[in-house]
Protein backbone atom coordinates (compact mmCIF):
# COMPACT_ATOMS: atom_id res chain seq x y z
CA MET A 1 47.74 -3.56 31.56
CA PHE A 2 44.89 -3.45 34.05
CA PHE A 3 42.85 -0.87 31.97
CA LEU A 4 43.61 -3.09 28.76
CA ALA A 5 42.26 -6.09 30.41
CA LEU A 6 39.26 -4.29 31.59
CA PHE A 7 38.60 -2.94 28.04
CA LEU A 8 38.95 -6.45 26.65
CA VAL A 9 36.54 -7.92 29.27
CA SER A 10 34.00 -5.09 28.59
CA THR A 11 34.23 -5.61 24.67
CA GLN A 12 33.68 -9.33 25.14
CA ALA A 13 30.64 -8.56 27.23
CA LEU A 14 29.25 -6.41 24.49
CA TRP A 15 29.37 -9.43 22.11
CA ALA A 16 28.48 -12.29 24.54
CA ASP A 17 25.67 -14.02 22.61
CA GLN A 18 26.97 -17.29 20.85
CA ILE A 19 25.18 -19.07 18.04
CA THR A 20 26.24 -22.64 17.19
CA LEU A 21 25.59 -23.89 13.71
CA SER A 22 25.06 -27.45 12.36
CA ASN A 23 28.50 -27.55 10.87
CA GLY A 24 30.11 -26.90 14.13
CA ASP A 25 30.95 -23.15 13.56
CA ARG A 26 30.20 -20.69 16.33
CA ILE A 27 29.29 -17.01 15.75
CA THR A 28 29.77 -14.57 18.63
CA GLY A 29 28.03 -11.39 18.61
CA SER A 30 24.72 -9.69 19.74
CA ILE A 31 21.36 -10.93 18.65
CA VAL A 32 19.49 -8.13 16.84
CA LYS A 33 16.28 -9.66 15.48
CA GLY A 34 14.90 -12.72 13.91
CA ASP A 35 11.80 -14.38 12.51
CA ALA A 36 10.76 -17.94 11.63
CA LYS A 37 13.20 -17.99 8.61
CA ASP A 38 16.49 -16.06 9.64
CA LEU A 39 18.25 -14.69 12.65
CA VAL A 40 20.31 -11.44 12.53
CA VAL A 41 23.42 -11.25 14.70
CA ALA A 42 25.62 -8.22 15.06
CA THR A 43 29.24 -9.25 15.12
CA PRO A 44 32.40 -7.25 16.02
CA SER A 45 34.31 -8.12 12.74
CA ALA A 46 31.67 -8.82 10.14
CA GLY A 47 28.89 -6.51 11.05
CA ASN A 48 25.26 -7.91 10.74
CA VAL A 49 25.37 -11.58 9.87
CA ILE A 50 22.11 -13.30 8.69
CA ILE A 51 21.91 -16.92 9.75
CA ALA A 52 19.17 -19.35 8.57
CA ARG A 53 17.25 -20.69 11.55
CA THR A 54 17.42 -24.26 10.11
CA SER A 55 21.18 -24.25 10.46
CA ILE A 56 21.17 -23.15 14.22
CA THR A 57 21.65 -25.90 16.79
CA ALA A 58 22.32 -23.93 19.91
CA ILE A 59 21.85 -20.39 21.16
CA SER A 60 23.33 -18.82 24.32
CA ALA A 61 22.56 -15.16 25.03
CA ASP A 62 22.82 -13.03 28.08
CA GLY A 63 19.92 -10.87 26.93
CA PRO A 64 17.56 -9.48 27.39
CA VAL A 65 16.18 -10.87 24.27
CA TYR A 66 12.61 -10.48 23.65
CA VAL A 67 11.14 -13.85 22.30
CA GLY A 68 7.82 -13.97 20.41
CA LEU A 69 6.02 -17.40 20.80
CA SER A 70 3.57 -19.07 18.58
CA ASP A 71 0.78 -18.68 21.03
CA GLY A 72 1.04 -14.87 20.98
CA GLN A 73 3.13 -14.43 24.22
CA THR A 74 6.29 -12.43 24.44
CA VAL A 75 8.97 -13.23 27.14
CA ALA A 76 12.30 -11.40 27.66
CA GLY A 77 15.43 -12.61 29.26
CA ALA A 78 18.67 -14.57 28.89
CA LEU A 79 18.50 -17.47 26.45
CA GLN A 80 19.92 -21.02 26.72
CA THR A 81 19.14 -24.01 24.55
CA ASN A 82 19.34 -27.60 25.35
CA GLY A 83 18.84 -29.60 22.14
CA ALA A 84 15.49 -28.50 20.75
CA GLN A 85 14.43 -26.95 24.10
CA LEU A 86 14.83 -23.16 24.95
CA GLN A 87 15.00 -21.70 28.38
CA VAL A 88 14.26 -17.95 28.74
CA ARG A 89 15.49 -16.80 32.29
CA THR A 90 13.27 -13.75 32.91
CA GLN A 91 13.74 -11.25 35.74
CA THR A 92 10.08 -11.40 36.89
CA ALA A 93 8.52 -14.69 35.87
CA GLY A 94 11.56 -17.07 36.60
CA THR A 95 12.49 -19.45 33.83
CA VAL A 96 10.26 -20.10 30.91
CA ASN A 97 10.70 -23.33 29.20
CA THR A 98 9.71 -23.59 25.46
CA THR A 99 11.04 -24.95 22.12
CA LEU A 100 13.03 -23.30 19.36
CA ALA A 101 10.23 -24.40 16.97
CA ALA A 102 7.71 -22.33 18.91
CA VAL A 103 9.76 -19.10 18.55
CA THR A 104 8.35 -16.83 15.91
CA THR A 105 10.54 -13.74 16.60
CA PHE A 106 13.75 -12.67 18.32
CA ARG A 107 14.24 -8.84 19.09
CA ASN A 108 16.87 -6.96 21.19
CA GLN A 109 15.80 -3.98 23.31
CA ALA A 110 15.98 -1.48 20.45
CA GLU A 111 14.04 -3.56 18.02
CA GLN A 112 11.42 -4.29 20.66
CA THR A 113 10.97 -0.67 21.40
CA ALA A 114 10.58 0.16 17.55
CA PHE A 115 8.11 -2.73 17.28
CA GLU A 116 5.94 -1.52 20.23
CA THR A 117 6.14 2.13 18.86
CA GLN A 118 4.80 0.80 15.47
CA VAL A 119 1.97 -1.27 17.14
CA GLU A 120 0.81 1.76 19.11
CA ARG A 121 1.06 3.87 16.06
CA LEU A 122 -1.31 1.46 14.26
CA ARG A 123 -3.65 1.20 17.20
CA ASN A 124 -3.97 4.93 17.65
CA PRO A 125 -2.79 6.66 14.60
CA ARG A 126 -2.78 10.49 13.92
CA MET A 127 -4.56 11.73 10.97
CA ILE A 128 -1.23 12.58 9.40
CA ASP A 129 0.09 8.98 9.90
CA LEU A 130 0.02 5.90 7.63
CA TRP A 131 -0.48 7.71 4.30
CA THR A 132 0.88 5.95 1.14
CA GLY A 133 0.46 7.01 -2.41
CA PHE A 134 1.85 7.85 -5.75
CA LEU A 135 2.11 10.61 -8.43
CA ASP A 136 2.04 9.58 -12.06
CA LEU A 137 3.39 11.88 -14.86
CA GLY A 138 3.24 11.66 -18.51
CA PHE A 139 4.27 14.07 -21.21
CA ALA A 140 4.52 13.89 -25.05
CA ALA A 141 5.22 16.60 -27.60
CA THR A 142 5.99 17.09 -31.28
CA LYS A 143 7.67 19.90 -33.15
CA GLY A 144 7.66 20.58 -36.95
CA ASN A 145 4.80 20.90 -39.23
CA ALA A 146 2.44 20.42 -36.37
CA GLU A 147 3.12 21.23 -32.67
CA THR A 148 1.35 18.94 -30.23
CA GLN A 149 1.58 18.66 -26.47
CA THR A 150 -0.08 16.06 -24.15
CA PHE A 151 0.28 16.09 -20.36
CA THR A 152 -1.23 13.57 -18.04
CA LEU A 153 -1.25 13.59 -14.25
CA SER A 154 -2.63 11.13 -11.79
CA THR A 155 -2.26 10.85 -8.08
CA ARG A 156 -3.67 8.91 -5.23
CA ALA A 157 -3.22 8.85 -1.47
CA ASP A 158 -4.56 6.16 0.96
CA ARG A 159 -4.51 5.92 4.70
CA ALA A 160 -5.43 2.35 5.99
CA THR A 161 -5.76 1.19 9.56
CA ASN A 162 -7.37 -2.13 10.92
CA ARG A 163 -10.66 -0.08 11.38
CA ASP A 164 -10.94 1.95 8.16
CA LYS A 165 -9.47 3.32 4.88
CA ILE A 166 -9.43 6.80 3.31
CA GLY A 167 -8.62 7.22 -0.26
CA VAL A 168 -8.23 10.49 -2.20
CA TYR A 169 -7.60 10.53 -5.98
CA TYR A 170 -7.10 12.79 -9.00
CA THR A 171 -6.52 12.24 -12.68
CA SER A 172 -6.33 14.82 -15.54
CA ILE A 173 -5.32 15.09 -19.21
CA PHE A 174 -4.69 18.11 -21.36
CA ALA A 175 -3.65 18.21 -25.02
CA SER A 176 -3.25 20.90 -27.59
CA ASN A 177 -2.47 21.11 -31.26
CA LYS A 178 -0.99 23.95 -33.21
CA THR A 179 -1.03 23.82 -37.02
CA SER A 180 -0.44 26.71 -39.48
CA GLY A 181 -0.42 29.11 -36.63
CA ALA A 182 -3.79 28.09 -35.31
CA SER A 183 -3.80 26.56 -31.69
CA ALA A 184 -6.50 24.33 -30.51
CA THR A 185 -7.22 22.29 -27.32
CA THR A 186 -7.82 18.71 -28.22
CA ALA A 187 -8.37 17.16 -24.72
CA ASN A 188 -9.26 18.56 -21.32
CA ALA A 189 -10.57 16.31 -18.76
CA LYS A 190 -10.31 16.09 -14.83
CA ARG A 191 -11.59 13.32 -12.61
CA GLY A 192 -11.19 13.13 -8.81
CA GLY A 193 -12.80 12.16 -5.60
CA VAL A 194 -12.61 10.76 -2.18
CA VAL A 195 -13.86 7.31 -0.53
CA TYR A 196 -14.10 6.15 3.03
CA ASP A 197 -14.43 2.54 4.15
CA ALA A 198 -15.29 1.54 7.67
CA ASN A 199 -14.80 -2.14 8.49
CA LEU A 200 -17.78 -3.96 10.27
CA SER A 201 -16.12 -7.21 10.35
CA LYS A 202 -13.04 -9.00 8.84
CA ARG A 203 -14.97 -9.42 5.61
CA THR A 204 -17.66 -6.66 5.47
CA PHE A 205 -17.50 -2.85 5.44
CA VAL A 206 -19.63 0.25 4.80
CA TRP A 207 -18.46 2.94 2.52
CA GLY A 208 -19.18 6.48 1.40
CA ALA A 209 -17.78 8.40 -1.54
CA VAL A 210 -17.85 11.61 -3.59
CA ASP A 211 -16.72 11.74 -7.28
CA LEU A 212 -16.30 14.86 -9.24
CA GLU A 213 -15.71 14.96 -12.98
CA SER A 214 -15.38 17.50 -15.84
CA ASP A 215 -14.74 16.94 -19.53
CA GLU A 216 -14.56 19.81 -22.11
CA PHE A 217 -15.26 17.63 -25.07
CA GLN A 218 -18.10 15.94 -23.54
CA ARG A 219 -19.47 19.58 -22.76
CA LEU A 220 -19.45 18.56 -19.18
CA ASP A 221 -18.75 21.35 -16.75
CA LEU A 222 -19.28 19.19 -13.61
CA ARG A 223 -20.64 15.81 -12.58
CA PHE A 224 -21.19 15.57 -8.94
CA VAL A 225 -21.85 12.07 -7.57
CA PRO A 226 -22.16 11.31 -3.76
CA ALA A 227 -22.61 7.58 -3.05
CA GLY A 228 -22.70 5.07 -0.27
CA GLY A 229 -23.32 1.53 0.50
CA VAL A 230 -21.82 -1.83 1.69
CA GLY A 231 -18.89 -3.83 0.55
CA HIS A 232 -17.23 -7.19 0.93
CA HIS A 233 -13.37 -8.02 1.18
CA THR A 234 -13.61 -11.04 -1.06
CA ILE A 235 -9.88 -11.64 -1.33
CA ASN A 236 -7.42 -10.21 1.08
CA THR A 237 -3.96 -11.70 0.72
CA ASP A 238 -0.55 -10.17 0.58
CA ASN A 239 -0.48 -10.50 -3.34
CA THR A 240 -4.13 -10.09 -4.13
CA LYS A 241 -6.92 -7.92 -2.96
CA LEU A 242 -10.48 -7.78 -4.36
CA ASN A 243 -13.18 -5.60 -2.74
CA LEU A 244 -16.76 -5.71 -4.11
CA ARG A 245 -19.24 -2.80 -3.47
CA ILE A 246 -23.01 -2.19 -3.85
CA GLY A 247 -24.77 0.86 -3.07
CA ALA A 248 -26.79 4.05 -4.14
CA ALA A 249 -25.73 7.31 -5.85
CA GLY A 250 -27.16 10.69 -6.68
CA ASN A 251 -25.86 12.10 -9.98
CA ARG A 252 -25.96 15.81 -10.62
CA GLU A 253 -24.80 16.81 -14.13
CA PHE A 254 -23.95 20.43 -15.34
CA PHE A 255 -23.42 20.53 -19.02
CA PHE A 256 -22.44 23.56 -21.25
CA GLY A 257 -25.35 25.75 -22.43
CA ASP A 258 -27.01 25.60 -18.93
CA ILE A 259 -28.07 21.94 -19.47
CA ARG A 260 -28.73 20.25 -15.93
CA ARG A 261 -29.63 16.68 -15.23
CA ASN A 262 -30.38 15.06 -11.89
CA SER A 263 -30.92 11.43 -11.40
CA ALA A 264 -30.82 8.49 -8.86
CA GLU A 265 -28.44 5.58 -9.65
CA VAL A 266 -27.64 2.10 -8.29
CA LEU A 267 -23.85 1.45 -7.93
CA PHE A 268 -22.03 -1.82 -8.53
CA GLY A 269 -18.23 -1.79 -8.11
CA GLU A 270 -14.97 -3.66 -7.70
CA ASP A 271 -11.46 -2.65 -6.66
CA TYR A 272 -8.59 -5.10 -7.52
CA GLN A 273 -4.96 -5.17 -6.90
CA HIS A 274 -2.52 -7.91 -7.74
CA LYS A 275 1.23 -8.30 -7.43
CA PHE A 276 2.73 -10.42 -10.29
CA SER A 277 6.17 -10.18 -8.64
CA ASN A 278 8.01 -7.92 -6.27
CA VAL A 279 8.29 -5.25 -9.09
CA THR A 280 5.19 -5.69 -11.28
CA SER A 281 1.66 -5.19 -10.16
CA ILE A 282 -1.88 -4.11 -11.65
CA GLN A 283 -4.55 -2.02 -9.95
CA GLN A 284 -8.01 -1.83 -11.35
CA ARG A 285 -11.26 0.07 -10.40
CA LEU A 286 -14.72 -0.57 -12.03
CA ARG A 287 -17.92 1.38 -11.30
CA TYR A 288 -21.29 0.52 -13.01
CA PHE A 289 -24.14 2.95 -12.50
CA PRO A 290 -27.60 1.82 -13.81
CA ASN A 291 -29.91 4.93 -13.74
CA VAL A 292 -33.24 4.35 -11.89
CA SER A 293 -34.68 7.73 -12.70
CA ASN A 294 -34.24 7.11 -16.47
CA GLY A 295 -34.78 3.49 -17.17
CA GLY A 296 -32.27 1.90 -19.64
CA GLN A 297 -29.64 4.58 -19.16
CA TYR A 298 -26.41 3.88 -17.44
CA ARG A 299 -22.86 5.10 -16.82
CA MET A 300 -19.67 3.06 -16.46
CA ASN A 301 -16.14 4.02 -15.14
CA PHE A 302 -13.15 1.88 -15.61
CA ASP A 303 -9.46 2.57 -14.59
CA THR A 304 -6.52 0.15 -14.66
CA THR A 305 -2.79 0.74 -14.24
CA PHE A 306 0.12 -1.64 -14.89
CA VAL A 307 3.27 -0.71 -12.74
CA THR A 308 6.97 -1.86 -13.03
CA ALA A 309 9.21 -0.64 -10.18
CA LEU A 310 12.72 0.36 -10.92
CA ALA A 311 13.36 1.54 -7.35
CA LYS A 312 11.52 1.72 -4.10
CA TRP A 313 10.21 5.22 -4.88
CA PHE A 314 10.40 5.24 -8.81
CA SER A 315 8.37 3.10 -11.33
CA LEU A 316 7.10 3.02 -14.87
CA GLN A 317 3.36 3.05 -15.37
CA PHE A 318 0.82 2.52 -18.10
CA THR A 319 -2.76 3.61 -17.47
CA PHE A 320 -6.04 3.06 -19.20
CA SER A 321 -9.26 4.85 -18.17
CA ASP A 322 -12.57 4.88 -19.70
CA ARG A 323 -15.74 6.83 -19.01
CA TYR A 324 -18.90 5.67 -20.63
CA LEU A 325 -22.10 7.53 -20.78
CA SER A 326 -25.11 6.08 -22.53
CA ASN A 327 -26.96 9.33 -22.91
CA PRO A 328 -24.48 12.05 -23.83
CA VAL A 329 -25.68 15.51 -24.88
CA PRO A 330 -26.59 15.70 -28.66
CA GLY A 331 -23.55 15.78 -30.96
CA ARG A 332 -21.08 14.09 -28.51
CA LYS A 333 -19.96 10.40 -28.35
CA SER A 334 -20.56 8.04 -25.42
CA ASN A 335 -17.08 6.89 -24.79
CA ASP A 336 -14.08 9.01 -23.62
CA MET A 337 -10.95 6.90 -23.25
CA LEU A 338 -7.49 8.00 -21.84
CA TYR A 339 -4.28 6.20 -22.38
CA SER A 340 -1.17 7.35 -20.53
CA THR A 341 2.36 6.04 -19.95
CA GLY A 342 5.11 7.71 -17.95
CA ILE A 343 6.81 7.57 -14.61
CA ARG A 344 5.35 7.00 -11.08
CA LEU A 345 6.80 8.53 -7.86
CA THR A 346 5.64 6.79 -4.74
CA PHE A 347 5.63 7.82 -1.04
CA ALA A 348 4.94 6.45 2.30
CA GLN A 349 4.54 8.15 5.63
């Protein structure tokens, strides 16, 4: 009986926190975490229970519970409410008096350790940390009197910190057609590059980039474009982001037949993202290159993608990509457009 009583007392101690609700109910358990909207309490019988903060009238917890306040401070200790007032009995600073309304977060020891680890990771990330990105795949084929195949691939990886951002991207399309035994390639283009942004302030940043491109049917072996300039975080909310860019670029073009062209360009650009909902979003990128070496000539790159998420890692996507060149080589058109629909696989590290 002694050991049974000891076990019951020990079990009760593990679930010693008590939350009183406005309807008079009391929930006994252990505070896990909370924010300005909800409080999560682990209970012995119902597992984790999510409680709306507005329904809580009293809290009693042995702690330690880490309490984040609206002024940025964090205090840890046992909790006891008295009406709208909250007392935090700390081990080092005595009793801290505050209000429930001033509390922005609650965390137990495990949640606080995880939070501090993540903060440190963001402050001093390794180069392999914080990468997010996606892989888009599209494929279409026909069989019969004519055999056609079209394959599209697009991928991007970004690493963003409070100080800077690195982006690496690549897009390609390949299509072939076989009729009456004769096979021919009908599309073969590749586009890729890397961009680096370094924040000067909350709104302004400097950037550098390198773009590489080839297009068999524009007779383009390679376009090499290093660029750099300044930018502005014009919109930066959870749902919408708009960055504007201005700078200078050097354009080296190598065409079939040993045709080479070098020119200096001005660059105007924008990067736009918007979430219509938790599952649907749009991403857009525009670059306009007036040629200062050959007056009146210009290039324009435009890419946009609509995405609908079916799962955290799996989405459907539709992409439109356009490359316009005002002075193509003789016999070639100015516009090369790419349409693609398929699946998107996302990752985060």
